[in-house]
Amino acid sequence: MPPVFAHGRLRLYLLKLLDEAPRHGYEVIRLLEERFQGLYAPSAGTVYPRLSKLEAEGLVTHASEGGRKVYSITDAGRAELADRGGELADLELEIRDSVSELAAEMRDDVRGAAGELRREMLAAASASQTRVEDESWNAAKEELRKARQEWKDQARRAKDESRRAREEAQQARRQAKEAQERAREEIQRIAVQLQEQFAASGGVLGSLAGAWLGGGPGTAASAPSAGSGAPAAAPGAAARAAGPDRAAADPDWAGDLTPTGDPARDLDRLLDRFRDEVRDAARDHGVTPDRLAAARAELSAAAAGLLRTFRSAP
């Protein structure tokens, strides 16, 4: 029989069970046995080492309750589940197939045992040249009937489990897709807010940020040279001067950030991108005391606007 869980899949399923609720090791083993309709149950020597390894990696943690370790999933563990949503859906289908294979093996075992019993009874009757007593024969037929009924029950449970696993896999795929869409929309919303804040702020910071906010190389070049007293052009003004076609063609500076499913984490990545791009622009075009003072004022204004946006959000 092939292994019930492929390499690394038991680890993923343990995270799924702990994401449902905190559990101790024996409860995890019992739940796995229930999911497989009693056809398979991992040993303690299989489950507990994997729980310890997940804890060492920071994906789960434990607390002692009544002398037992109760394991709970961490934020890092939930993040891994979110990143591997499609793989988890495939795992549910694999479990369904494993249940079907185990039920088929049990069916074959029952049939083999029944056939062997019948052959032994016929051989005994032939050797002794006597008829098997009615009571013994009826008992044998009853055993055969029970064996067939047991196989039918196992097959029915396997079919029910297969249907449930297929439905759960489809639901998991839908949820993973919805989470990705929500994360993508959140990143785009924050990117638009940042663009609006810095386009409205103008000044030196607007010039330095112009190239990566969609203004292109010409916007960055519009910043004054070191020692020049000319005011910096706002990136929004440069886009408007180029006409509506130019503004419509501006790329989304954060469009290549792949959503992770965690809006807070995506916001950190967005702010890191902003910091790196402005720092590179300042290094390329120079920083003077006047530019630093203007940048400080514009950062304060932009931060105030973003704080109002987040604090007013429902």
C-alpha atoms as a PDB file:
ATOM      1  CA  MET A   1       0.000   0.000   0.000  1.00  0.00           C
ATOM      2  CA  PRO A   2       1.396   3.490  -0.825  1.00  0.00           C
ATOM      3  CA  PRO A   3       1.934   5.842   2.150  1.00  0.00           C
ATOM      4  CA  VAL A   4      -1.200   7.646   3.338  1.00  0.00           C
ATOM      5  CA  PHE A   5       0.620  11.006   3.464  1.00  0.00           C
ATOM      6  CA  ALA A   6       3.232  11.964   0.879  1.00  0.00           C
ATOM      7  CA  HIS A   7       6.461  13.587   2.041  1.00  0.00           C
ATOM      8  CA  GLY A   8       5.744  16.789   4.008  1.00  0.00           C
ATOM      9  CA  ARG A   9       1.944  16.455   3.772  1.00  0.00           C
ATOM     10  CA  LEU A  10       1.384  15.188   7.357  1.00  0.00           C
ATOM     11  CA  ARG A  11       3.108  18.374   8.591  1.00  0.00           C
ATOM     12  CA  LEU A  12       0.631  20.495   6.578  1.00  0.00           C
ATOM     13  CA  TYR A  13      -2.386  18.544   7.829  1.00  0.00           C
ATOM     14  CA  LEU A  14      -1.229  18.913  11.461  1.00  0.00           C
ATOM     15  CA  LEU A  15      -1.197  22.702  10.951  1.00  0.00           C
ATOM     16  CA  LYS A  16      -4.762  22.474   9.549  1.00  0.00           C
ATOM     17  CA  LEU A  17      -6.013  20.542  12.608  1.00  0.00           C
ATOM     18  CA  LEU A  18      -4.360  23.017  15.014  1.00  0.00           C
ATOM     19  CA  ASP A  19      -5.796  25.941  13.037  1.00  0.00           C
ATOM     20  CA  GLU A  20      -9.276  24.529  13.757  1.00  0.00           C
ATOM     21  CA  ALA A  21      -8.627  24.502  17.537  1.00  0.00           C
ATOM     22  CA  PRO A  22      -5.795  23.960  20.081  1.00  0.00           C
ATOM     23  CA  ARG A  23      -5.301  20.233  20.683  1.00  0.00           C
ATOM     24  CA  HIS A  24      -3.067  17.833  22.588  1.00  0.00           C
ATOM     25  CA  GLY A  25      -1.177  15.079  20.796  1.00  0.00           C
ATOM     26  CA  TYR A  26      -3.597  12.236  21.604  1.00  0.00           C
ATOM     27  CA  GLU A  27      -6.516  14.300  20.306  1.00  0.00           C
ATOM     28  CA  VAL A  28      -4.647  14.886  17.034  1.00  0.00           C
ATOM     29  CA  ILE A  29      -4.133  11.114  16.639  1.00  0.00           C
ATOM     30  CA  ARG A  30      -7.814  10.454  17.382  1.00  0.00           C
ATOM     31  CA  LEU A  31      -8.971  13.080  14.859  1.00  0.00           C
ATOM     32  CA  LEU A  32      -6.778  11.590  12.134  1.00  0.00           C
ATOM     33  CA  GLU A  33      -8.292   8.172  12.854  1.00  0.00           C
ATOM     34  CA  GLU A  34     -11.813   9.666  12.573  1.00  0.00           C
ATOM     35  CA  ARG A  35     -10.976  11.404   9.265  1.00  0.00           C
ATOM     36  CA  PHE A  36      -9.929   8.013   7.887  1.00  0.00           C
ATOM     37  CA  GLN A  37     -13.069   6.263   9.225  1.00  0.00           C
ATOM     38  CA  GLY A  38     -10.920   4.070  11.483  1.00  0.00           C
ATOM     39  CA  LEU A  39      -8.994   2.669   8.522  1.00  0.00           C
ATOM     40  CA  TYR A  40      -5.759   4.436   9.496  1.00  0.00           C
ATOM     41  CA  ALA A  41      -4.324   5.956  12.686  1.00  0.00           C
ATOM     42  CA  PRO A  42      -0.759   7.305  12.979  1.00  0.00           C
ATOM     43  CA  SER A  43       1.317   6.207  15.942  1.00  0.00           C
ATOM     44  CA  ALA A  44       2.464   8.519  18.733  1.00  0.00           C
ATOM     45  CA  GLY A  45       5.988   8.034  17.421  1.00  0.00           C
ATOM     46  CA  THR A  46       4.867   9.625  14.144  1.00  0.00           C
ATOM     47  CA  VAL A  47       2.801  12.563  15.444  1.00  0.00           C
ATOM     48  CA  TYR A  48       4.700  13.847  18.517  1.00  0.00           C
ATOM     49  CA  PRO A  49       8.108  14.301  16.800  1.00  0.00           C
ATOM     50  CA  ARG A  50       6.435  16.294  14.021  1.00  0.00           C
ATOM     51  CA  LEU A  51       4.640  18.508  16.560  1.00  0.00           C
ATOM     52  CA  SER A  52       7.982  19.160  18.278  1.00  0.00           C
ATOM     53  CA  LYS A  53       9.588  20.039  14.934  1.00  0.00           C
ATOM     54  CA  LEU A  54       6.750  22.461  14.097  1.00  0.00           C
ATOM     55  CA  GLU A  55       7.252  24.093  17.482  1.00  0.00           C
ATOM     56  CA  ALA A  56      11.015  24.410  16.902  1.00  0.00           C
ATOM     57  CA  GLU A  57      10.260  26.182  13.600  1.00  0.00           C
ATOM     58  CA  GLY A  58       7.950  28.659  15.358  1.00  0.00           C
ATOM     59  CA  LEU A  59       4.805  27.424  13.562  1.00  0.00           C
ATOM     60  CA  VAL A  60       3.114  26.073  16.731  1.00  0.00           C
ATOM     61  CA  THR A  61       3.443  26.619  20.452  1.00  0.00           C
ATOM     62  CA  HIS A  62       2.247  24.692  23.481  1.00  0.00           C
ATOM     63  CA  ALA A  63       0.909  25.241  26.985  1.00  0.00           C
ATOM     64  CA  SER A  64       0.640  22.687  29.797  1.00  0.00           C
ATOM     65  CA  GLU A  65      -2.894  21.816  30.891  1.00  0.00           C
ATOM     66  CA  GLY A  66      -3.461  19.041  33.383  1.00  0.00           C
ATOM     67  CA  GLY A  67      -0.023  17.567  32.770  1.00  0.00           C
ATOM     68  CA  ARG A  68      -0.545  17.520  28.975  1.00  0.00           C
ATOM     69  CA  LYS A  69       0.929  19.698  26.247  1.00  0.00           C
ATOM     70  CA  VAL A  70      -1.817  21.495  24.371  1.00  0.00           C
ATOM     71  CA  TYR A  71      -0.524  22.729  21.005  1.00  0.00           C
ATOM     72  CA  SER A  72      -1.752  25.910  19.280  1.00  0.00           C
ATOM     73  CA  ILE A  73      -0.889  27.341  15.876  1.00  0.00           C
ATOM     74  CA  THR A  74       1.068  30.621  15.697  1.00  0.00           C
ATOM     75  CA  ASP A  75       0.680  33.521  13.269  1.00  0.00           C
ATOM     76  CA  ALA A  76       3.628  32.115  11.330  1.00  0.00           C
ATOM     77  CA  GLY A  77       1.820  28.779  11.063  1.00  0.00           C
ATOM     78  CA  ARG A  78      -1.338  30.490   9.771  1.00  0.00           C
ATOM     79  CA  ALA A  79       0.757  32.376   7.223  1.00  0.00           C
ATOM     80  CA  GLU A  80       2.173  29.076   5.921  1.00  0.00           C
ATOM     81  CA  LEU A  81      -1.354  27.643   5.663  1.00  0.00           C
ATOM     82  CA  ALA A  82      -2.473  30.710   3.690  1.00  0.00           C
ATOM     83  CA  ASP A  83       0.526  30.447   1.340  1.00  0.00           C
ATOM     84  CA  ARG A  84      -0.151  26.730   0.762  1.00  0.00           C
ATOM     85  CA  GLY A  85      -3.943  26.930   0.369  1.00  0.00           C
ATOM     86  CA  GLY A  86      -3.928  25.179  -3.010  1.00  0.00           C
ATOM     87  CA  GLU A  87      -1.638  22.431  -1.699  1.00  0.00           C
ATOM     88  CA  LEU A  88      -4.000  21.886   1.244  1.00  0.00           C
ATOM     89  CA  ALA A  89      -6.923  21.443  -1.167  1.00  0.00           C
ATOM     90  CA  ASP A  90      -4.921  18.813  -3.073  1.00  0.00           C
ATOM     91  CA  LEU A  91      -4.131  17.097   0.241  1.00  0.00           C
ATOM     92  CA  GLU A  92      -7.844  16.714   1.006  1.00  0.00           C
ATOM     93  CA  LEU A  93      -8.261  14.935  -2.323  1.00  0.00           C
ATOM     94  CA  GLU A  94      -5.267  12.718  -1.541  1.00  0.00           C
ATOM     95  CA  ILE A  95      -6.845  11.754   1.788  1.00  0.00           C
ATOM     96  CA  ARG A  96     -10.037  10.830  -0.048  1.00  0.00           C
ATOM     97  CA  ASP A  97      -8.045   8.614  -2.404  1.00  0.00           C
ATOM     98  CA  SER A  98      -6.181   7.031   0.510  1.00  0.00           C
ATOM     99  CA  VAL A  99      -9.476   6.197   2.246  1.00  0.00           C
ATOM    100  CA  SER A 100     -10.760   4.609  -0.965  1.00  0.00           C
ATOM    101  CA  GLU A 101      -7.576   2.542  -1.327  1.00  0.00           C
ATOM    102  CA  LEU A 102      -7.713   1.360   2.286  1.00  0.00           C
ATOM    103  CA  ALA A 103     -11.386   0.394   1.892  1.00  0.00           C
ATOM    104  CA  ALA A 104     -10.557  -1.511  -1.302  1.00  0.00           C
ATOM    105  CA  GLU A 105      -7.782  -3.418   0.486  1.00  0.00           C
ATOM    106  CA  MET A 106     -10.123  -4.293   3.331  1.00  0.00           C
ATOM    107  CA  ARG A 107     -12.688  -5.492   0.809  1.00  0.00           C
ATOM    108  CA  ASP A 108     -10.078  -7.727  -0.835  1.00  0.00           C
ATOM    109  CA  ASP A 109      -9.013  -9.046   2.585  1.00  0.00           C
ATOM    110  CA  VAL A 110     -12.616  -9.894   3.473  1.00  0.00           C
ATOM    111  CA  ARG A 111     -13.173 -11.639   0.166  1.00  0.00           C
ATOM    112  CA  GLY A 112      -9.917 -13.566   0.517  1.00  0.00           C
ATOM    113  CA  ALA A 113     -10.742 -14.652   4.057  1.00  0.00           C
ATOM    114  CA  ALA A 114     -14.232 -15.732   3.038  1.00  0.00           C
ATOM    115  CA  GLY A 115     -12.898 -17.731   0.097  1.00  0.00           C
ATOM    116  CA  GLU A 116     -10.248 -19.381   2.264  1.00  0.00           C
ATOM    117  CA  LEU A 117     -12.841 -20.325   4.870  1.00  0.00           C
ATOM    118  CA  ARG A 118     -15.060 -21.907   2.217  1.00  0.00           C
ATOM    119  CA  ARG A 119     -12.168 -23.876   0.753  1.00  0.00           C
ATOM    120  CA  GLU A 120     -11.152 -25.164   4.189  1.00  0.00           C
ATOM    121  CA  MET A 121     -14.682 -26.280   4.955  1.00  0.00           C
ATOM    122  CA  LEU A 122     -15.021 -28.109   1.631  1.00  0.00           C
ATOM    123  CA  ALA A 123     -11.627 -29.776   2.112  1.00  0.00           C
ATOM    124  CA  ALA A 124     -12.579 -30.922   5.622  1.00  0.00           C
ATOM    125  CA  ALA A 125     -15.892 -32.318   4.371  1.00  0.00           C
ATOM    126  CA  SER A 126     -14.183 -34.136   1.497  1.00  0.00           C
ATOM    127  CA  ALA A 127     -11.478 -35.626   3.738  1.00  0.00           C
ATOM    128  CA  SER A 128     -13.881 -36.958   6.319  1.00  0.00           C
ATOM    129  CA  GLN A 129     -16.476 -38.060   3.762  1.00  0.00           C
ATOM    130  CA  THR A 130     -19.121 -36.682   6.082  1.00  0.00           C
ATOM    131  CA  ARG A 131     -21.500 -33.844   5.767  1.00  0.00           C
ATOM    132  CA  VAL A 132     -20.942 -30.759   7.801  1.00  0.00           C
ATOM    133  CA  GLU A 133     -23.564 -30.435  10.444  1.00  0.00           C
ATOM    134  CA  ASP A 134     -26.309 -27.959   9.678  1.00  0.00           C
ATOM    135  CA  GLU A 135     -25.470 -25.857  12.716  1.00  0.00           C
ATOM    136  CA  SER A 136     -21.805 -25.477  11.720  1.00  0.00           C
ATOM    137  CA  TRP A 137     -22.694 -24.736   8.133  1.00  0.00           C
ATOM    138  CA  ASN A 138     -25.225 -22.107   9.170  1.00  0.00           C
ATOM    139  CA  ALA A 139     -22.625 -20.530  11.480  1.00  0.00           C
ATOM    140  CA  ALA A 140     -20.158 -20.378   8.595  1.00  0.00           C
ATOM    141  CA  LYS A 141     -22.757 -18.786   6.320  1.00  0.00           C
ATOM    142  CA  GLU A 142     -23.526 -16.235   9.063  1.00  0.00           C
ATOM    143  CA  GLU A 143     -19.834 -15.347   9.296  1.00  0.00           C
ATOM    144  CA  LEU A 144     -19.744 -14.878   5.542  1.00  0.00           C
ATOM    145  CA  ARG A 145     -22.835 -12.686   5.672  1.00  0.00           C
ATOM    146  CA  LYS A 146     -21.317 -10.530   8.429  1.00  0.00           C
ATOM    147  CA  ALA A 147     -18.093 -10.216   6.475  1.00  0.00           C
ATOM    148  CA  ARG A 148     -19.944  -9.051   3.360  1.00  0.00           C
ATOM    149  CA  GLN A 149     -22.015  -6.587   5.393  1.00  0.00           C
ATOM    150  CA  GLU A 150     -18.872  -5.194   6.987  1.00  0.00           C
ATOM    151  CA  TRP A 151     -17.330  -4.666   3.589  1.00  0.00           C
ATOM    152  CA  LYS A 152     -20.467  -2.867   2.362  1.00  0.00           C
ATOM    153  CA  ASP A 153     -20.420  -0.610   5.430  1.00  0.00           C
ATOM    154  CA  GLN A 154     -16.743   0.192   4.883  1.00  0.00           C
ATOM    155  CA  ALA A 155     -17.357   0.943   1.208  1.00  0.00           C
ATOM    156  CA  ARG A 156     -20.277   3.245   2.047  1.00  0.00           C
ATOM    157  CA  ARG A 157     -18.218   5.152   4.639  1.00  0.00           C
ATOM    158  CA  ALA A 158     -15.361   5.492   2.165  1.00  0.00           C
ATOM    159  CA  LYS A 159     -17.752   6.878  -0.449  1.00  0.00           C
ATOM    160  CA  ASP A 160     -19.175   9.407   2.043  1.00  0.00           C
ATOM    161  CA  GLU A 161     -15.677  10.466   3.077  1.00  0.00           C
ATOM    162  CA  SER A 162     -14.674  10.840  -0.570  1.00  0.00           C
ATOM    163  CA  ARG A 163     -17.614  13.124  -1.282  1.00  0.00           C
ATOM    164  CA  ARG A 164     -16.942  15.220   1.838  1.00  0.00           C
ATOM    165  CA  ALA A 165     -13.247  15.579   0.986  1.00  0.00           C
ATOM    166  CA  ARG A 166     -14.095  16.703  -2.533  1.00  0.00           C
ATOM    167  CA  GLU A 167     -16.504  19.349  -1.215  1.00  0.00           C
ATOM    168  CA  GLU A 168     -13.968  20.597   1.345  1.00  0.00           C
ATOM    169  CA  ALA A 169     -11.264  20.795  -1.321  1.00  0.00           C
ATOM    170  CA  GLN A 170     -13.511  22.890  -3.557  1.00  0.00           C
ATOM    171  CA  GLN A 171     -14.363  25.189  -0.651  1.00  0.00           C
ATOM    172  CA  ALA A 172     -10.678  25.555   0.269  1.00  0.00           C
ATOM    173  CA  ARG A 173      -9.834  26.563  -3.296  1.00  0.00           C
ATOM    174  CA  ARG A 174     -12.596  29.173  -3.294  1.00  0.00           C
ATOM    175  CA  GLN A 175     -11.448  30.594   0.038  1.00  0.00           C
ATOM    176  CA  ALA A 176      -7.815  30.756  -1.083  1.00  0.00           C
ATOM    177  CA  LYS A 177      -8.817  32.593  -4.268  1.00  0.00           C
ATOM    178  CA  GLU A 178     -10.990  35.042  -2.320  1.00  0.00           C
ATOM    179  CA  ALA A 179      -8.149  35.732   0.153  1.00  0.00           C
ATOM    180  CA  GLN A 180      -5.746  36.474  -2.707  1.00  0.00           C
ATOM    181  CA  GLU A 181      -8.258  38.829  -4.324  1.00  0.00           C
ATOM    182  CA  ARG A 182      -8.827  40.696  -1.035  1.00  0.00           C
ATOM    183  CA  ALA A 183      -5.085  41.051  -0.465  1.00  0.00           C
ATOM    184  CA  ARG A 184      -4.544  42.321  -4.024  1.00  0.00           C
ATOM    185  CA  GLU A 185      -7.339  44.885  -3.624  1.00  0.00           C
ATOM    186  CA  GLU A 186      -5.887  46.039  -0.288  1.00  0.00           C
ATOM    187  CA  ILE A 187      -2.419  46.591  -1.821  1.00  0.00           C
ATOM    188  CA  GLN A 188      -3.898  48.513  -4.735  1.00  0.00           C
ATOM    189  CA  ARG A 189      -5.973  50.679  -2.381  1.00  0.00           C
ATOM    190  CA  ILE A 190      -2.928  51.539  -0.243  1.00  0.00           C
ATOM    191  CA  ALA A 191      -0.849  52.230  -3.370  1.00  0.00           C
ATOM    192  CA  VAL A 192      -3.481  54.666  -4.640  1.00  0.00           C
ATOM    193  CA  GLN A 193      -3.571  56.407  -1.246  1.00  0.00           C
ATOM    194  CA  LEU A 194       0.205  56.812  -1.247  1.00  0.00           C
ATOM    195  CA  GLN A 195       0.156  58.131  -4.802  1.00  0.00           C
ATOM    196  CA  GLU A 196      -2.526  60.672  -3.946  1.00  0.00           C
ATOM    197  CA  GLN A 197      -0.763  61.784  -0.748  1.00  0.00           C
ATOM    198  CA  PHE A 198       2.615  62.382  -2.378  1.00  0.00           C
ATOM    199  CA  ALA A 199       1.176  63.803  -5.596  1.00  0.00           C
ATOM    200  CA  ALA A 200      -0.717  66.337  -3.482  1.00  0.00           C
ATOM    201  CA  SER A 201       2.312  67.158  -1.293  1.00  0.00           C
ATOM    202  CA  GLY A 202       4.507  68.299  -4.243  1.00  0.00           C
ATOM    203  CA  GLY A 203       7.828  69.985  -3.450  1.00  0.00           C
ATOM    204  CA  VAL A 204      11.199  68.243  -3.168  1.00  0.00           C
ATOM    205  CA  LEU A 205       9.816  64.922  -1.904  1.00  0.00           C
ATOM    206  CA  GLY A 206       7.305  64.906  -4.756  1.00  0.00           C
ATOM    207  CA  SER A 207      10.127  65.361  -7.263  1.00  0.00           C
ATOM    208  CA  LEU A 208      12.258  62.570  -5.754  1.00  0.00           C
ATOM    209  CA  ALA A 209       9.292  60.210  -5.607  1.00  0.00           C
ATOM    210  CA  GLY A 210       8.026  61.145  -9.082  1.00  0.00           C
ATOM    211  CA  ALA A 211       9.988  58.521 -11.011  1.00  0.00           C
ATOM    212  CA  TRP A 212       8.617  55.531  -9.059  1.00  0.00           C
ATOM    213  CA  LEU A 213       5.119  56.984  -8.507  1.00  0.00           C
ATOM    214  CA  GLY A 214       4.610  56.859 -12.290  1.00  0.00           C
ATOM    215  CA  GLY A 215       6.170  60.127 -13.516  1.00  0.00           C
ATOM    216  CA  GLY A 216       9.115  58.405 -15.246  1.00  0.00           C
ATOM    217  CA  PRO A 217      12.727  59.628 -15.521  1.00  0.00           C
ATOM    218  CA  GLY A 218      11.652  63.103 -16.646  1.00  0.00           C
ATOM    219  CA  THR A 219       9.945  63.783 -13.335  1.00  0.00           C
ATOM    220  CA  ALA A 220      13.007  62.887 -11.285  1.00  0.00           C
ATOM    221  CA  ALA A 221      15.150  65.071 -13.534  1.00  0.00           C
ATOM    222  CA  SER A 222      12.908  68.047 -12.767  1.00  0.00           C
ATOM    223  CA  ALA A 223      14.286  68.193  -9.182  1.00  0.00           C
ATOM    224  CA  PRO A 224      16.649  71.181  -8.653  1.00  0.00           C
ATOM    225  CA  SER A 225      20.378  70.571  -8.706  1.00  0.00           C
ATOM    226  CA  ALA A 226      22.455  70.978  -5.544  1.00  0.00           C
ATOM    227  CA  GLY A 227      22.832  74.661  -4.698  1.00  0.00           C
ATOM    228  CA  SER A 228      19.986  75.764  -6.977  1.00  0.00           C
ATOM    229  CA  GLY A 229      17.308  77.981  -5.505  1.00  0.00           C
ATOM    230  CA  ALA A 230      14.613  76.976  -7.991  1.00  0.00           C
ATOM    231  CA  PRO A 231      11.564  75.273  -6.392  1.00  0.00           C
ATOM    232  CA  ALA A 232      10.966  71.579  -7.084  1.00  0.00           C
ATOM    233  CA  ALA A 233       8.148  70.604  -9.435  1.00  0.00           C
ATOM    234  CA  ALA A 234       5.343  68.445  -8.007  1.00  0.00           C
ATOM    235  CA  PRO A 235       4.945  65.024  -9.671  1.00  0.00           C
ATOM    236  CA  GLY A 236       1.204  65.626 -10.067  1.00  0.00           C
ATOM    237  CA  ALA A 237       1.890  68.883 -11.950  1.00  0.00           C
ATOM    238  CA  ALA A 238       4.353  67.117 -14.258  1.00  0.00           C
ATOM    239  CA  ALA A 239       1.791  64.431 -15.087  1.00  0.00           C
ATOM    240  CA  ARG A 240      -0.898  67.039 -15.755  1.00  0.00           C
ATOM    241  CA  ALA A 241       1.443  69.062 -18.001  1.00  0.00           C
ATOM    242  CA  ALA A 242       2.094  65.946 -20.085  1.00  0.00           C
ATOM    243  CA  GLY A 243      -1.638  65.631 -20.812  1.00  0.00           C
ATOM    244  CA  PRO A 244      -4.271  62.972 -19.978  1.00  0.00           C
ATOM    245  CA  ASP A 245      -2.660  60.314 -22.181  1.00  0.00           C
ATOM    246  CA  ARG A 246       0.585  60.542 -20.226  1.00  0.00           C
ATOM    247  CA  ALA A 247      -1.209  60.284 -16.873  1.00  0.00           C
ATOM    248  CA  ALA A 248      -3.247  57.296 -18.042  1.00  0.00           C
ATOM    249  CA  ALA A 249      -0.064  55.499 -19.193  1.00  0.00           C
ATOM    250  CA  ASP A 250       1.685  55.864 -15.820  1.00  0.00           C
ATOM    251  CA  PRO A 251       2.466  52.354 -14.396  1.00  0.00           C
ATOM    252  CA  ASP A 252       1.342  51.212 -10.983  1.00  0.00           C
ATOM    253  CA  TRP A 253       4.550  51.416  -8.919  1.00  0.00           C
ATOM    254  CA  ALA A 254       3.383  48.687  -6.522  1.00  0.00           C
ATOM    255  CA  GLY A 255       1.721  46.426  -9.092  1.00  0.00           C
ATOM    256  CA  ASP A 256       4.510  43.831  -9.003  1.00  0.00           C
ATOM    257  CA  LEU A 257       4.103  43.168  -5.272  1.00  0.00           C
ATOM    258  CA  THR A 258       2.469  39.739  -5.009  1.00  0.00           C
ATOM    259  CA  PRO A 259      -0.172  39.687  -2.220  1.00  0.00           C
ATOM    260  CA  THR A 260       0.570  37.330   0.678  1.00  0.00           C
ATOM    261  CA  GLY A 261      -2.973  37.197   2.076  1.00  0.00           C
ATOM    262  CA  ASP A 262      -1.930  39.274   5.139  1.00  0.00           C
ATOM    263  CA  PRO A 263      -2.775  43.010   4.595  1.00  0.00           C
ATOM    264  CA  ALA A 264      -0.551  44.130   7.506  1.00  0.00           C
ATOM    265  CA  ARG A 265       2.431  42.305   6.051  1.00  0.00           C
ATOM    266  CA  ASP A 266       1.696  43.693   2.584  1.00  0.00           C
ATOM    267  CA  LEU A 267       1.604  47.235   4.048  1.00  0.00           C
ATOM    268  CA  ASP A 268       5.086  46.692   5.555  1.00  0.00           C
ATOM    269  CA  ARG A 269       6.384  45.592   2.153  1.00  0.00           C
ATOM    270  CA  LEU A 270       4.752  48.630   0.525  1.00  0.00           C
ATOM    271  CA  LEU A 271       6.413  51.032   2.978  1.00  0.00           C
ATOM    272  CA  ASP A 272       9.771  49.285   2.502  1.00  0.00           C
ATOM    273  CA  ARG A 273       9.422  49.763  -1.263  1.00  0.00           C
ATOM    274  CA  PHE A 274       8.662  53.481  -0.749  1.00  0.00           C
ATOM    275  CA  ARG A 275      11.642  53.976   1.581  1.00  0.00           C
ATOM    276  CA  ASP A 276      14.087  52.237  -0.770  1.00  0.00           C
ATOM    277  CA  GLU A 277      12.909  54.094  -3.869  1.00  0.00           C
ATOM    278  CA  VAL A 278      13.050  57.570  -2.221  1.00  0.00           C
ATOM    279  CA  ARG A 279      16.457  56.819  -0.710  1.00  0.00           C
ATOM    280  CA  ASP A 280      17.803  55.735  -4.130  1.00  0.00           C
ATOM    281  CA  ALA A 281      16.376  58.868  -5.780  1.00  0.00           C
ATOM    282  CA  ALA A 282      17.956  61.073  -3.098  1.00  0.00           C
ATOM    283  CA  ARG A 283      21.303  59.338  -3.548  1.00  0.00           C
ATOM    284  CA  ASP A 284      21.168  59.744  -7.337  1.00  0.00           C
ATOM    285  CA  HIS A 285      20.104  63.408  -7.345  1.00  0.00           C
ATOM    286  CA  GLY A 286      21.713  64.705  -4.183  1.00  0.00           C
ATOM    287  CA  VAL A 287      20.442  65.886  -0.776  1.00  0.00           C
ATOM    288  CA  THR A 288      20.891  69.488   0.407  1.00  0.00           C
ATOM    289  CA  PRO A 289      19.793  71.066   3.689  1.00  0.00           C
ATOM    290  CA  ASP A 290      16.903  72.768   1.858  1.00  0.00           C
ATOM    291  CA  ARG A 291      15.777  69.497   0.310  1.00  0.00           C
ATOM    292  CA  LEU A 292      16.021  67.723   3.661  1.00  0.00           C
ATOM    293  CA  ALA A 293      13.864  70.385   5.326  1.00  0.00           C
ATOM    294  CA  ALA A 294      11.289  70.194   2.531  1.00  0.00           C
ATOM    295  CA  ALA A 295      11.293  66.395   2.668  1.00  0.00           C
ATOM    296  CA  ARG A 296      10.713  66.474   6.443  1.00  0.00           C
ATOM    297  CA  ALA A 297       7.711  68.778   6.023  1.00  0.00           C
ATOM    298  CA  GLU A 298       6.220  66.708   3.202  1.00  0.00           C
ATOM    299  CA  LEU A 299       6.723  63.429   5.046  1.00  0.00           C
ATOM    300  CA  SER A 300       4.899  64.885   8.051  1.00  0.00           C
ATOM    301  CA  ALA A 301       1.998  65.989   5.835  1.00  0.00           C
ATOM    302  CA  ALA A 302       1.827  62.646   4.033  1.00  0.00           C
ATOM    303  CA  ALA A 303       2.007  60.680   7.311  1.00  0.00           C
ATOM    304  CA  ALA A 304      -0.781  62.805   8.782  1.00  0.00           C
ATOM    305  CA  GLY A 305      -2.961  62.113   5.766  1.00  0.00           C
ATOM    306  CA  LEU A 306      -2.346  58.347   5.924  1.00  0.00           C
ATOM    307  CA  LEU A 307      -3.006  58.271   9.688  1.00  0.00           C
ATOM    308  CA  ARG A 308      -6.343  59.972   9.099  1.00  0.00           C
ATOM    309  CA  THR A 309      -7.149  57.406   6.415  1.00  0.00           C
ATOM    310  CA  PHE A 310      -6.440  54.410   8.670  1.00  0.00           C
ATOM    311  CA  ARG A 311      -8.056  55.904  11.780  1.00  0.00           C
ATOM    312  CA  SER A 312     -11.230  56.757   9.897  1.00  0.00           C
ATOM    313  CA  ALA A 313     -11.457  53.258   8.360  1.00  0.00           C
ATOM    314  CA  PRO A 314     -14.317  51.115   9.781  1.00  0.00           C
END
